[in-house]
PDB file of N, CA and C in Angstrom:
ATOM      1  N   MET A   1     108.543  40.627 -80.474  1.00  0.00           N
ATOM      2  CA  MET A   1     108.127  40.408 -79.132  1.00  0.00           C
ATOM      3  C   MET A   1     108.125  39.127 -78.822  1.00  0.00           C
ATOM      4  N   ALA A   2     108.549  38.579 -77.538  1.00  0.00           N
ATOM      5  CA  ALA A   2     108.700  37.308 -77.154  1.00  0.00           C
ATOM      6  C   ALA A   2     107.619  36.026 -77.599  1.00  0.00           C
ATOM      7  N   ILE A   3     107.567  34.938 -77.930  1.00  0.00           N
ATOM      8  CA  ILE A   3     106.871  33.858 -77.785  1.00  0.00           C
ATOM      9  C   ILE A   3     106.430  33.598 -76.637  1.00  0.00           C
ATOM     10  N   VAL A   4     105.312  32.928 -76.198  1.00  0.00           N
ATOM     11  CA  VAL A   4     105.037  32.644 -74.836  1.00  0.00           C
ATOM     12  C   VAL A   4     104.747  31.250 -75.033  1.00  0.00           C
ATOM     13  N   ARG A   5     105.158  30.485 -74.305  1.00  0.00           N
ATOM     14  CA  ARG A   5     105.174  29.095 -73.980  1.00  0.00           C
ATOM     15  C   ARG A   5     104.383  28.813 -72.732  1.00  0.00           C
ATOM     16  N   THR A   6     103.293  27.753 -72.701  1.00  0.00           N
ATOM     17  CA  THR A   6     102.780  27.298 -71.269  1.00  0.00           C
ATOM     18  C   THR A   6     102.566  25.796 -71.741  1.00  0.00           C
ATOM     19  N   ALA A   7     102.829  25.316 -70.315  1.00  0.00           N
ATOM     20  CA  ALA A   7     102.349  23.827 -70.364  1.00  0.00           C
ATOM     21  C   ALA A   7     101.837  23.499 -69.249  1.00  0.00           C
ATOM     22  N   CYS A   8     100.975  22.343 -69.236  1.00  0.00           N
ATOM     23  CA  CYS A   8     100.700  21.800 -67.817  1.00  0.00           C
ATOM     24  C   CYS A   8      99.878  20.289 -68.213  1.00  0.00           C
ATOM     25  N   THR A   9      99.698  19.753 -67.162  1.00  0.00           N
ATOM     26  CA  THR A   9      99.013  18.153 -67.105  1.00  0.00           C
ATOM     27  C   THR A   9      97.456  18.306 -66.621  1.00  0.00           C
ATOM     28  N   MET A  10      96.819  17.052 -67.103  1.00  0.00           N
ATOM     29  CA  MET A  10      95.716  17.248 -66.508  1.00  0.00           C
ATOM     30  C   MET A  10      95.397  15.502 -66.536  1.00  0.00           C
ATOM     31  N   THR A  11      95.019  15.245 -65.419  1.00  0.00           N
ATOM     32  CA  THR A  11      94.699  13.703 -64.782  1.00  0.00           C
ATOM     33  C   THR A  11      93.141  13.904 -64.970  1.00  0.00           C
ATOM     34  N   LEU A  12      92.606  12.558 -65.086  1.00  0.00           N
ATOM     35  CA  LEU A  12      91.053  12.613 -65.351  1.00  0.00           C
ATOM     36  C   LEU A  12      90.811  10.994 -65.046  1.00  0.00           C
ATOM     37  N   ASP A  13      89.534  10.866 -65.144  1.00  0.00           N
ATOM     38  CA  ASP A  13      88.968   9.408 -64.858  1.00  0.00           C
ATOM     39  C   ASP A  13      88.851   9.028 -66.647  1.00  0.00           C
ATOM     40  N   ARG A  14      89.313   7.787 -66.657  1.00  0.00           N
ATOM     41  CA  ARG A  14      89.096   7.063 -68.516  1.00  0.00           C
ATOM     42  C   ARG A  14      87.689   7.306 -68.533  1.00  0.00           C
ATOM     43  N   LYS A  15      86.619   7.183 -67.668  1.00  0.00           N
ATOM     44  CA  LYS A  15      85.354   7.176 -68.530  1.00  0.00           C
ATOM     45  C   LYS A  15      84.903   8.472 -69.210  1.00  0.00           C
ATOM     46  N   ASP A  16      85.779   9.754 -68.334  1.00  0.00           N
ATOM     47  CA  ASP A  16      85.427  11.176 -68.975  1.00  0.00           C
ATOM     48  C   ASP A  16      86.121  11.368 -70.125  1.00  0.00           C
ATOM     49  N   LEU A  17      87.145  10.613 -70.942  1.00  0.00           N
ATOM     50  CA  LEU A  17      88.249  10.945 -71.714  1.00  0.00           C
ATOM     51  C   LEU A  17      87.381  11.261 -73.048  1.00  0.00           C
ATOM     52  N   ASP A  18      86.505  10.333 -73.642  1.00  0.00           N
ATOM     53  CA  ASP A  18      85.653  11.247 -74.814  1.00  0.00           C
ATOM     54  C   ASP A  18      85.099  12.292 -74.764  1.00  0.00           C
ATOM     55  N   GLU A  19      84.461  12.649 -73.487  1.00  0.00           N
ATOM     56  CA  GLU A  19      83.860  14.404 -73.340  1.00  0.00           C
ATOM     57  C   GLU A  19      84.920  15.234 -73.269  1.00  0.00           C
ATOM     58  N   VAL A  20      86.085  14.736 -72.572  1.00  0.00           N
ATOM     59  CA  VAL A  20      86.942  15.782 -72.468  1.00  0.00           C
ATOM     60  C   VAL A  20      87.899  16.137 -74.105  1.00  0.00           C
ATOM     61  N   VAL A  21      87.946  14.772 -74.698  1.00  0.00           N
ATOM     62  CA  VAL A  21      88.492  15.222 -76.058  1.00  0.00           C
ATOM     63  C   VAL A  21      87.336  15.990 -77.154  1.00  0.00           C
ATOM     64  N   GLY A  22      86.025  15.985 -76.862  1.00  0.00           N
ATOM     65  CA  GLY A  22      85.193  16.683 -77.489  1.00  0.00           C
ATOM     66  C   GLY A  22      85.334  18.260 -77.210  1.00  0.00           C
ATOM     67  N   ILE A  23      85.726  18.244 -75.595  1.00  0.00           N
ATOM     68  CA  ILE A  23      85.863  19.570 -75.323  1.00  0.00           C
ATOM     69  C   ILE A  23      87.167  20.164 -76.082  1.00  0.00           C
ATOM     70  N   PHE A  24      88.155  19.622 -76.284  1.00  0.00           N
ATOM     71  CA  PHE A  24      89.430  19.999 -76.937  1.00  0.00           C
ATOM     72  C   PHE A  24      89.260  20.116 -78.239  1.00  0.00           C
ATOM     73  N   GLU A  25      88.760  19.435 -78.755  1.00  0.00           N
ATOM     74  CA  GLU A  25      88.175  19.593 -80.319  1.00  0.00           C
ATOM     75  C   GLU A  25      87.090  21.002 -80.216  1.00  0.00           C
ATOM     76  N   LYS A  26      86.558  21.101 -79.525  1.00  0.00           N
ATOM     77  CA  LYS A  26      85.715  22.758 -79.530  1.00  0.00           C
ATOM     78  C   LYS A  26      86.771  23.878 -79.614  1.00  0.00           C
ATOM     79  N   PHE A  27      87.648  23.421 -78.346  1.00  0.00           N
ATOM     80  CA  PHE A  27      88.799  24.642 -78.163  1.00  0.00           C
ATOM     81  C   PHE A  27      89.528  25.007 -79.573  1.00  0.00           C
ATOM     82  N   ILE A  28      90.001  23.748 -80.294  1.00  0.00           N
ATOM     83  CA  ILE A  28      90.462  23.811 -81.551  1.00  0.00           C
ATOM     84  C   ILE A  28      90.014  24.569 -82.598  1.00  0.00           C
ATOM     85  N   LYS A  29      88.440  24.208 -82.682  1.00  0.00           N
ATOM     86  CA  LYS A  29      87.927  24.781 -83.713  1.00  0.00           C
ATOM     87  C   LYS A  29      87.737  26.180 -83.654  1.00  0.00           C
ATOM     88  N   ASP A  30      87.491  26.618 -82.472  1.00  0.00           N
ATOM     89  CA  ASP A  30      87.427  27.942 -81.904  1.00  0.00           C
ATOM     90  C   ASP A  30      88.621  28.703 -82.318  1.00  0.00           C
ATOM     91  N   VAL A  31      89.779  28.165 -81.909  1.00  0.00           N
ATOM     92  CA  VAL A  31      91.428  28.604 -82.225  1.00  0.00           C
ATOM     93  C   VAL A  31      91.160  28.950 -83.627  1.00  0.00           C
ATOM     94  N   HIS A  32      90.638  27.825 -84.525  1.00  0.00           N
ATOM     95  CA  HIS A  32      91.016  28.336 -85.890  1.00  0.00           C
ATOM     96  C   HIS A  32      89.908  29.431 -86.308  1.00  0.00           C
ATOM     97  N   GLU A  33      88.618  29.370 -85.864  1.00  0.00           N
ATOM     98  CA  GLU A  33      87.816  30.577 -86.230  1.00  0.00           C
ATOM     99  C   GLU A  33      88.171  31.838 -85.553  1.00  0.00           C
ATOM    100  N   LYS A  34      88.553  32.129 -84.559  1.00  0.00           N
ATOM    101  CA  LYS A  34      88.558  33.131 -83.747  1.00  0.00           C
ATOM    102  C   LYS A  34      89.788  33.725 -83.214  1.00  0.00           C
ATOM    103  N   ASP A  35      90.941  33.097 -83.292  1.00  0.00           N
ATOM    104  CA  ASP A  35      92.082  33.375 -82.746  1.00  0.00           C
ATOM    105  C   ASP A  35      93.259  33.861 -84.043  1.00  0.00           C
ATOM    106  N   TYR A  36      94.631  34.471 -83.523  1.00  0.00           N
ATOM    107  CA  TYR A  36      95.341  35.047 -84.500  1.00  0.00           C
ATOM    108  C   TYR A  36      96.943  34.730 -83.499  1.00  0.00           C
ATOM    109  N   GLY A  37      97.780  34.467 -84.214  1.00  0.00           N
ATOM    110  CA  GLY A  37      98.895  34.525 -83.164  1.00  0.00           C
ATOM    111  C   GLY A  37      99.080  32.801 -82.149  1.00  0.00           C
ATOM    112  N   VAL A  38      98.393  31.885 -82.752  1.00  0.00           N
ATOM    113  CA  VAL A  38      98.382  30.730 -81.792  1.00  0.00           C
ATOM    114  C   VAL A  38      99.385  29.748 -82.716  1.00  0.00           C
ATOM    115  N   LEU A  39     100.429  29.490 -82.132  1.00  0.00           N
ATOM    116  CA  LEU A  39     101.481  28.808 -82.993  1.00  0.00           C
ATOM    117  C   LEU A  39     101.687  27.274 -82.555  1.00  0.00           C
ATOM    118  N   ALA A  40     101.426  26.846 -81.301  1.00  0.00           N
ATOM    119  CA  ALA A  40     101.195  25.189 -81.114  1.00  0.00           C
ATOM    120  C   ALA A  40     100.139  25.723 -79.831  1.00  0.00           C
ATOM    121  N   TYR A  41      99.209  24.142 -80.113  1.00  0.00           N
ATOM    122  CA  TYR A  41      98.196  24.229 -79.356  1.00  0.00           C
ATOM    123  C   TYR A  41      97.638  22.669 -79.477  1.00  0.00           C
ATOM    124  N   ASN A  42      98.250  21.902 -78.836  1.00  0.00           N
ATOM    125  CA  ASN A  42      98.629  20.700 -78.639  1.00  0.00           C
ATOM    126  C   ASN A  42      98.222  19.811 -77.336  1.00  0.00           C
ATOM    127  N   TYR A  43      97.425  18.844 -77.525  1.00  0.00           N
ATOM    128  CA  TYR A  43      97.512  17.915 -76.483  1.00  0.00           C
ATOM    129  C   TYR A  43      98.025  16.453 -76.570  1.00  0.00           C
ATOM    130  N   PHE A  44      98.669  16.052 -75.392  1.00  0.00           N
ATOM    131  CA  PHE A  44      99.132  14.757 -75.670  1.00  0.00           C
ATOM    132  C   PHE A  44      98.979  13.771 -74.579  1.00  0.00           C
ATOM    133  N   ILE A  45      98.417  12.537 -74.882  1.00  0.00           N
ATOM    134  CA  ILE A  45      98.291  11.363 -73.739  1.00  0.00           C
ATOM    135  C   ILE A  45      99.486  10.126 -73.495  1.00  0.00           C
ATOM    136  N   ASP A  46      99.214  10.093 -72.201  1.00  0.00           N
ATOM    137  CA  ASP A  46      99.796   9.272 -71.456  1.00  0.00           C
ATOM    138  C   ASP A  46      98.755   8.130 -71.460  1.00  0.00           C
ATOM    139  N   GLU A  47      98.919   6.835 -71.466  1.00  0.00           N
ATOM    140  CA  GLU A  47      97.492   5.647 -71.472  1.00  0.00           C
ATOM    141  C   GLU A  47      97.964   5.236 -69.976  1.00  0.00           C
ATOM    142  N   ASP A  48      98.883   5.137 -69.431  1.00  0.00           N
ATOM    143  CA  ASP A  48      98.792   4.527 -68.352  1.00  0.00           C
ATOM    144  C   ASP A  48      99.895   4.899 -67.176  1.00  0.00           C
ATOM    145  N   PRO A  49      99.927   5.643 -66.238  1.00  0.00           N
ATOM    146  CA  PRO A  49      98.655   6.131 -66.054  1.00  0.00           C
ATOM    147  C   PRO A  49      98.091   7.177 -67.071  1.00  0.00           C
ATOM    148  N   LEU A  50      96.767   7.340 -66.782  1.00  0.00           N
ATOM    149  CA  LEU A  50      96.184   8.343 -67.897  1.00  0.00           C
ATOM    150  C   LEU A  50      96.666   9.871 -67.525  1.00  0.00           C
ATOM    151  N   LEU A  51      97.019  10.224 -68.468  1.00  0.00           N
ATOM    152  CA  LEU A  51      97.639  11.993 -68.167  1.00  0.00           C
ATOM    153  C   LEU A  51      97.612  12.487 -69.570  1.00  0.00           C
ATOM    154  N   ILE A  52      97.177  13.693 -69.654  1.00  0.00           N
ATOM    155  CA  ILE A  52      97.123  14.845 -70.850  1.00  0.00           C
ATOM    156  C   ILE A  52      97.967  15.481 -70.743  1.00  0.00           C
ATOM    157  N   HIS A  53      99.028  15.982 -71.612  1.00  0.00           N
ATOM    158  CA  HIS A  53     100.111  17.133 -71.532  1.00  0.00           C
ATOM    159  C   HIS A  53      99.276  18.042 -72.456  1.00  0.00           C
ATOM    160  N   VAL A  54      99.147  19.367 -72.036  1.00  0.00           N
ATOM    161  CA  VAL A  54      98.622  20.359 -72.743  1.00  0.00           C
ATOM    162  C   VAL A  54      99.867  21.342 -73.057  1.00  0.00           C
ATOM    163  N   ILE A  55     100.347  21.719 -74.498  1.00  0.00           N
ATOM    164  CA  ILE A  55     101.313  22.481 -74.674  1.00  0.00           C
ATOM    165  C   ILE A  55     100.793  23.743 -75.726  1.00  0.00           C
ATOM    166  N   GLU A  56     100.825  24.840 -75.124  1.00  0.00           N
ATOM    167  CA  GLU A  56     100.675  26.104 -75.898  1.00  0.00           C
ATOM    168  C   GLU A  56     101.441  26.993 -76.293  1.00  0.00           C
ATOM    169  N   TRP A  57     101.738  27.594 -77.296  1.00  0.00           N
ATOM    170  CA  TRP A  57     102.731  28.636 -77.639  1.00  0.00           C
ATOM    171  C   TRP A  57     102.208  29.958 -78.472  1.00  0.00           C
ATOM    172  N   TYR A  58     102.361  31.141 -78.151  1.00  0.00           N
ATOM    173  CA  TYR A  58     101.545  31.992 -78.630  1.00  0.00           C
ATOM    174  C   TYR A  58     102.517  32.998 -79.251  1.00  0.00           C
ATOM    175  N   GLU A  59     102.414  33.599 -80.319  1.00  0.00           N
ATOM    176  CA  GLU A  59     103.458  34.781 -80.820  1.00  0.00           C
ATOM    177  C   GLU A  59     103.569  35.981 -80.026  1.00  0.00           C
ATOM    178  N   SER A  60     102.737  36.275 -79.102  1.00  0.00           N
ATOM    179  CA  SER A  60     102.852  37.203 -78.179  1.00  0.00           C
ATOM    180  C   SER A  60     102.316  36.963 -76.788  1.00  0.00           C
ATOM    181  N   PRO A  61     102.637  38.028 -75.814  1.00  0.00           N
ATOM    182  CA  PRO A  61     101.621  37.835 -74.757  1.00  0.00           C
ATOM    183  C   PRO A  61      99.851  38.351 -75.110  1.00  0.00           C
ATOM    184  N   LYS A  62      99.972  39.526 -76.177  1.00  0.00           N
ATOM    185  CA  LYS A  62      98.697  40.048 -76.294  1.00  0.00           C
ATOM    186  C   LYS A  62      98.032  38.641 -77.177  1.00  0.00           C
ATOM    187  N   ALA A  63      98.373  38.096 -77.914  1.00  0.00           N
ATOM    188  CA  ALA A  63      97.760  36.633 -78.971  1.00  0.00           C
ATOM    189  C   ALA A  63      97.452  36.045 -77.607  1.00  0.00           C
ATOM    190  N   MET A  64      98.054  35.400 -76.598  1.00  0.00           N
ATOM    191  CA  MET A  64      97.730  34.689 -75.410  1.00  0.00           C
ATOM    192  C   MET A  64      96.305  35.194 -74.576  1.00  0.00           C
ATOM    193  N   LEU A  65      96.393  36.304 -74.314  1.00  0.00           N
ATOM    194  CA  LEU A  65      95.419  37.159 -73.596  1.00  0.00           C
ATOM    195  C   LEU A  65      94.022  36.767 -74.541  1.00  0.00           C
ATOM    196  N   ASP A  66      94.439  37.418 -75.716  1.00  0.00           N
ATOM    197  CA  ASP A  66      92.909  37.376 -76.536  1.00  0.00           C
ATOM    198  C   ASP A  66      92.691  36.048 -76.587  1.00  0.00           C
ATOM    199  N   HIS A  67      93.374  35.028 -76.907  1.00  0.00           N
ATOM    200  CA  HIS A  67      92.956  33.764 -76.846  1.00  0.00           C
ATOM    201  C   HIS A  67      92.213  33.211 -75.619  1.00  0.00           C
ATOM    202  N   TYR A  68      92.478  33.640 -74.570  1.00  0.00           N
ATOM    203  CA  TYR A  68      91.842  33.405 -73.276  1.00  0.00           C
ATOM    204  C   TYR A  68      90.473  34.186 -73.156  1.00  0.00           C
ATOM    205  N   ALA A  69      90.441  35.549 -73.700  1.00  0.00           N
ATOM    206  CA  ALA A  69      89.373  36.559 -73.812  1.00  0.00           C
ATOM    207  C   ALA A  69      88.305  35.418 -74.798  1.00  0.00           C
ATOM    208  N   ASN A  70      88.677  34.662 -75.937  1.00  0.00           N
ATOM    209  CA  ASN A  70      87.580  34.248 -76.660  1.00  0.00           C
ATOM    210  C   ASN A  70      87.253  32.925 -76.041  1.00  0.00           C
ATOM    211  N   LEU A  71      87.609  32.306 -75.063  1.00  0.00           N
ATOM    212  CA  LEU A  71      87.472  31.056 -74.711  1.00  0.00           C
ATOM    213  C   LEU A  71      86.121  30.845 -74.467  1.00  0.00           C
ATOM    214  N   ASP A  72      85.536  29.584 -74.736  1.00  0.00           N
ATOM    215  CA  ASP A  72      84.205  28.961 -74.417  1.00  0.00           C
ATOM    216  C   ASP A  72      84.350  28.995 -72.813  1.00  0.00           C
ATOM    217  N   LEU A  73      83.799  29.878 -72.181  1.00  0.00           N
ATOM    218  CA  LEU A  73      83.625  29.613 -70.846  1.00  0.00           C
ATOM    219  C   LEU A  73      82.583  28.586 -70.375  1.00  0.00           C
ATOM    220  N   GLU A  74      81.655  28.085 -71.059  1.00  0.00           N
ATOM    221  CA  GLU A  74      81.009  26.775 -70.761  1.00  0.00           C
ATOM    222  C   GLU A  74      81.885  25.587 -70.792  1.00  0.00           C
ATOM    223  N   ALA A  75      82.472  25.743 -71.867  1.00  0.00           N
ATOM    224  CA  ALA A  75      83.163  24.269 -72.271  1.00  0.00           C
ATOM    225  C   ALA A  75      84.741  24.327 -70.953  1.00  0.00           C
ATOM    226  N   ALA A  76      85.018  25.357 -71.165  1.00  0.00           N
ATOM    227  CA  ALA A  76      86.193  25.390 -70.079  1.00  0.00           C
ATOM    228  C   ALA A  76      85.660  25.039 -68.480  1.00  0.00           C
ATOM    229  N   GLY A  77      84.266  25.702 -68.497  1.00  0.00           N
ATOM    230  CA  GLY A  77      84.100  25.054 -67.069  1.00  0.00           C
ATOM    231  C   GLY A  77      83.585  23.602 -66.670  1.00  0.00           C
ATOM    232  N   ARG A  78      83.205  23.009 -67.988  1.00  0.00           N
ATOM    233  CA  ARG A  78      82.730  21.422 -67.808  1.00  0.00           C
ATOM    234  C   ARG A  78      84.336  21.099 -67.487  1.00  0.00           C
ATOM    235  N   LEU A  79      85.197  21.373 -68.375  1.00  0.00           N
ATOM    236  CA  LEU A  79      86.735  20.955 -68.463  1.00  0.00           C
ATOM    237  C   LEU A  79      87.114  20.862 -66.979  1.00  0.00           C
ATOM    238  N   VAL A  80      86.945  21.768 -66.166  1.00  0.00           N
ATOM    239  CA  VAL A  80      87.482  21.509 -64.983  1.00  0.00           C
ATOM    240  C   VAL A  80      86.779  20.994 -63.979  1.00  0.00           C
ATOM    241  N   GLN A  81      85.531  20.352 -64.514  1.00  0.00           N
ATOM    242  CA  GLN A  81      84.759  19.508 -63.361  1.00  0.00           C
ATOM    243  C   GLN A  81      85.462  18.224 -64.023  1.00  0.00           C
ATOM    244  N   LEU A  82      86.026  17.685 -64.997  1.00  0.00           N
ATOM    245  CA  LEU A  82      86.251  16.619 -65.353  1.00  0.00           C
ATOM    246  C   LEU A  82      87.638  16.330 -65.088  1.00  0.00           C
ATOM    247  N   VAL A  83      88.600  17.427 -64.897  1.00  0.00           N
ATOM    248  CA  VAL A  83      89.710  17.119 -64.902  1.00  0.00           C
ATOM    249  C   VAL A  83      90.749  17.687 -63.608  1.00  0.00           C
ATOM    250  N   GLU A  84      91.996  17.201 -63.500  1.00  0.00           N
ATOM    251  CA  GLU A  84      92.429  17.690 -62.233  1.00  0.00           C
ATOM    252  C   GLU A  84      93.625  18.517 -62.969  1.00  0.00           C
ATOM    253  N   LEU A  85      93.883  19.782 -62.912  1.00  0.00           N
ATOM    254  CA  LEU A  85      94.996  20.581 -63.480  1.00  0.00           C
ATOM    255  C   LEU A  85      96.025  20.594 -62.404  1.00  0.00           C
ATOM    256  N   SER A  86      97.475  20.310 -63.100  1.00  0.00           N
ATOM    257  CA  SER A  86      98.873  20.601 -62.745  1.00  0.00           C
ATOM    258  C   SER A  86      98.806  21.836 -62.525  1.00  0.00           C
ATOM    259  N   PRO A  87     100.085  22.470 -61.760  1.00  0.00           N
ATOM    260  CA  PRO A  87     100.356  23.706 -62.178  1.00  0.00           C
ATOM    261  C   PRO A  87     100.800  24.235 -63.379  1.00  0.00           C
ATOM    262  N   LEU A  88     100.758  25.352 -63.868  1.00  0.00           N
ATOM    263  CA  LEU A  88     100.619  25.609 -64.992  1.00  0.00           C
ATOM    264  C   LEU A  88     102.289  26.180 -65.272  1.00  0.00           C
ATOM    265  N   ASP A  89     102.988  25.734 -65.972  1.00  0.00           N
ATOM    266  CA  ASP A  89     104.471  26.109 -66.286  1.00  0.00           C
ATOM    267  C   ASP A  89     104.241  27.325 -67.596  1.00  0.00           C
ATOM    268  N   TYR A  90     105.112  28.559 -67.238  1.00  0.00           N
ATOM    269  CA  TYR A  90     105.117  29.185 -68.227  1.00  0.00           C
ATOM    270  C   TYR A  90     106.410  29.749 -68.306  1.00  0.00           C
ATOM    271  N   TYR A  91     107.047  29.709 -69.781  1.00  0.00           N
ATOM    272  CA  TYR A  91     108.548  29.707 -69.905  1.00  0.00           C
ATOM    273  C   TYR A  91     108.414  31.404 -70.620  1.00  0.00           C
ATOM    274  N   GLY A  92     109.131  32.173 -69.943  1.00  0.00           N
ATOM    275  CA  GLY A  92     109.223  33.538 -70.456  1.00  0.00           C
ATOM    276  C   GLY A  92     109.316  34.424 -69.529  1.00  0.00           C
ATOM    277  N   LYS A  93     108.977  35.920 -69.841  1.00  0.00           N
ATOM    278  CA  LYS A  93     108.968  36.965 -68.970  1.00  0.00           C
ATOM    279  C   LYS A  93     107.329  37.190 -68.854  1.00  0.00           C
ATOM    280  N   PRO A  94     106.331  37.101 -68.326  1.00  0.00           N
ATOM    281  CA  PRO A  94     105.178  37.353 -68.325  1.00  0.00           C
ATOM    282  C   PRO A  94     105.049  38.896 -67.657  1.00  0.00           C
ATOM    283  N   THR A  95     103.980  39.418 -68.862  1.00  0.00           N
ATOM    284  CA  THR A  95     103.329  40.440 -68.470  1.00  0.00           C
ATOM    285  C   THR A  95     102.665  41.080 -67.012  1.00  0.00           C
ATOM    286  N   PRO A  96     102.327  41.722 -66.314  1.00  0.00           N
ATOM    287  CA  PRO A  96     101.421  41.721 -65.261  1.00  0.00           C
ATOM    288  C   PRO A  96      99.946  41.160 -65.815  1.00  0.00           C
ATOM    289  N   GLU A  97      99.627  41.775 -66.835  1.00  0.00           N
ATOM    290  CA  GLU A  97      98.173  41.254 -67.627  1.00  0.00           C
ATOM    291  C   GLU A  97      98.325  39.700 -67.764  1.00  0.00           C
ATOM    292  N   GLU A  98      99.325  39.226 -68.025  1.00  0.00           N
ATOM    293  CA  GLU A  98      99.694  37.570 -68.223  1.00  0.00           C
ATOM    294  C   GLU A  98      99.453  37.022 -66.625  1.00  0.00           C
ATOM    295  N   GLU A  99     100.396  37.513 -65.805  1.00  0.00           N
ATOM    296  CA  GLU A  99     100.444  37.018 -64.469  1.00  0.00           C
ATOM    297  C   GLU A  99      98.704  37.078 -63.642  1.00  0.00           C
ATOM    298  N   ALA A 100      98.238  37.986 -64.137  1.00  0.00           N
ATOM    299  CA  ALA A 100      96.793  38.073 -63.699  1.00  0.00           C
ATOM    300  C   ALA A 100      95.931  37.082 -64.064  1.00  0.00           C
ATOM    301  N   GLN A 101      95.961  37.155 -65.666  1.00  0.00           N
ATOM    302  CA  GLN A 101      95.167  35.585 -66.363  1.00  0.00           C
ATOM    303  C   GLN A 101      95.650  34.571 -65.594  1.00  0.00           C
ATOM    304  N   MET A 102      96.845  34.244 -65.582  1.00  0.00           N
ATOM    305  CA  MET A 102      97.211  32.882 -65.319  1.00  0.00           C
ATOM    306  C   MET A 102      96.845  32.353 -64.082  1.00  0.00           C
ATOM    307  N   ALA A 103      96.915  33.365 -62.959  1.00  0.00           N
ATOM    308  CA  ALA A 103      96.669  33.299 -61.463  1.00  0.00           C
ATOM    309  C   ALA A 103      95.113  32.685 -61.317  1.00  0.00           C
ATOM    310  N   ARG A 104      94.540  32.579 -62.347  1.00  0.00           N
ATOM    311  CA  ARG A 104      93.160  32.108 -62.175  1.00  0.00           C
ATOM    312  C   ARG A 104      93.081  30.804 -62.544  1.00  0.00           C
ATOM    313  N   PHE A 105      94.195  30.090 -63.072  1.00  0.00           N
ATOM    314  CA  PHE A 105      94.537  28.735 -63.152  1.00  0.00           C
ATOM    315  C   PHE A 105      95.079  28.010 -62.061  1.00  0.00           C
ATOM    316  N   GLY A 106      95.236  28.802 -60.514  1.00  0.00           N
ATOM    317  CA  GLY A 106      96.023  28.223 -59.838  1.00  0.00           C
ATOM    318  C   GLY A 106      97.505  28.812 -59.682  1.00  0.00           C
ATOM    319  N   THR A 107      98.100  27.622 -59.168  1.00  0.00           N
ATOM    320  CA  THR A 107      99.732  28.004 -58.952  1.00  0.00           C
ATOM    321  C   THR A 107     100.266  27.724 -60.431  1.00  0.00           C
ATOM    322  N   VAL A 108     101.084  28.518 -60.576  1.00  0.00           N
ATOM    323  CA  VAL A 108     101.705  28.785 -62.110  1.00  0.00           C
ATOM    324  C   VAL A 108     103.440  29.319 -61.742  1.00  0.00           C
ATOM    325  N   HIS A 109     104.296  28.279 -62.422  1.00  0.00           N
ATOM    326  CA  HIS A 109     105.800  28.304 -62.317  1.00  0.00           C
ATOM    327  C   HIS A 109     105.970  28.947 -63.271  1.00  0.00           C
ATOM    328  N   VAL A 110     106.873  30.082 -62.905  1.00  0.00           N
ATOM    329  CA  VAL A 110     107.613  31.054 -63.940  1.00  0.00           C
ATOM    330  C   VAL A 110     108.738  30.633 -64.316  1.00  0.00           C
ATOM    331  N   HIS A 111     109.201  30.240 -65.459  1.00  0.00           N
ATOM    332  CA  HIS A 111     110.545  29.775 -65.762  1.00  0.00           C
ATOM    333  C   HIS A 111     111.163  30.938 -66.696  1.00  0.00           C
ATOM    334  N   ARG A 112     111.853  31.868 -66.248  1.00  0.00           N
ATOM    335  CA  ARG A 112     112.479  33.003 -66.947  1.00  0.00           C
ATOM    336  C   ARG A 112     114.004  32.392 -67.673  1.00  0.00           C
ATOM    337  N   PRO A 113     113.698  33.106 -68.964  1.00  0.00           N
ATOM    338  CA  PRO A 113     114.788  32.799 -70.023  1.00  0.00           C
ATOM    339  C   PRO A 113     116.385  32.936 -69.400  1.00  0.00           C
ATOM    340  N   LEU A 114     117.180  31.920 -69.739  1.00  0.00           N
ATOM    341  CA  LEU A 114     118.561  32.027 -69.209  1.00  0.00           C
ATOM    342  C   LEU A 114     119.412  32.513 -70.515  1.00  0.00           C
ATOM    343  N   VAL A 115     119.905  31.505 -71.378  1.00  0.00           N
ATOM    344  CA  VAL A 115     120.307  31.458 -72.636  1.00  0.00           C
ATOM    345  C   VAL A 115     119.753  30.566 -73.424  1.00  0.00           C
ATOM    346  N   GLY A 116     119.950  30.907 -74.987  1.00  0.00           N
ATOM    347  CA  GLY A 116     119.062  29.979 -75.788  1.00  0.00           C
ATOM    348  C   GLY A 116     119.182  30.616 -77.308  1.00  0.00           C
ATOM    349  N   ILE A 117     118.668  29.827 -78.196  1.00  0.00           N
ATOM    350  CA  ILE A 117     118.688  30.303 -79.876  1.00  0.00           C
ATOM    351  C   ILE A 117     117.308  31.029 -79.959  1.00  0.00           C
ATOM    352  N   GLU A 118     117.072  32.502 -80.475  1.00  0.00           N
ATOM    353  CA  GLU A 118     116.040  33.133 -80.504  1.00  0.00           C
ATOM    354  C   GLU A 118     115.016  31.986 -81.617  1.00  0.00           C
ATOM    355  N   GLU A 119     114.045  32.227 -81.736  1.00  0.00           N
ATOM    356  CA  GLU A 119     113.432  31.522 -82.856  1.00  0.00           C
ATOM    357  C   GLU A 119     113.727  32.202 -84.338  1.00  0.00           C
ATOM    358  N   THR A 120     113.902  33.514 -84.286  1.00  0.00           N
ATOM    359  CA  THR A 120     113.914  34.184 -85.444  1.00  0.00           C
ATOM    360  C   THR A 120     115.487  33.984 -85.959  1.00  0.00           C
ATOM    361  N   THR A 121     116.384  33.452 -85.176  1.00  0.00           N
ATOM    362  CA  THR A 121     117.641  33.138 -85.624  1.00  0.00           C
ATOM    363  C   THR A 121     117.814  31.471 -85.838  1.00  0.00           C
ATOM    364  N   ALA A 122     117.184  30.819 -85.336  1.00  0.00           N
ATOM    365  CA  ALA A 122     117.128  29.481 -85.149  1.00  0.00           C
ATOM    366  C   ALA A 122     117.445  28.624 -86.856  1.00  0.00           C
ATOM    367  N   ARG A 123     117.970  28.076 -87.130  1.00  0.00           N
ATOM    368  CA  ARG A 123     118.300  27.180 -88.421  1.00  0.00           C
ATOM    369  C   ARG A 123     117.403  25.905 -88.367  1.00  0.00           C
ATOM    370  N   ALA A 124     117.035  25.543 -89.463  1.00  0.00           N
ATOM    371  CA  ALA A 124     116.159  24.198 -89.434  1.00  0.00           C
ATOM    372  C   ALA A 124     117.340  22.964 -89.811  1.00  0.00           C
TER     373      ALA A 124
END
């Protein structure tokens, strides 16, 4: 099954950064305790202007959907009060279930595969 990749950015007020990082740490703890098949779950920051990049990779569409089913809704609700989400970028061929899940985040840009090296055949 194909790896699922998503990316987005978040803008926020600098005064909210510590609280947002705390929410991210909660999400990461939950991934370790509740999820399977999460290959990458990273947050990167640009300091000026303040911008957070969110990179998530899952081993399958089911792993992604199960992750969102396990998401702490209280923490996620607070996060969306503190940040402004960019459109979500999805790299791959989403299933109808993934499309429905991602639509909850607003605009989604789907980038379908063209050519590349499959992860299972790539060499280090």
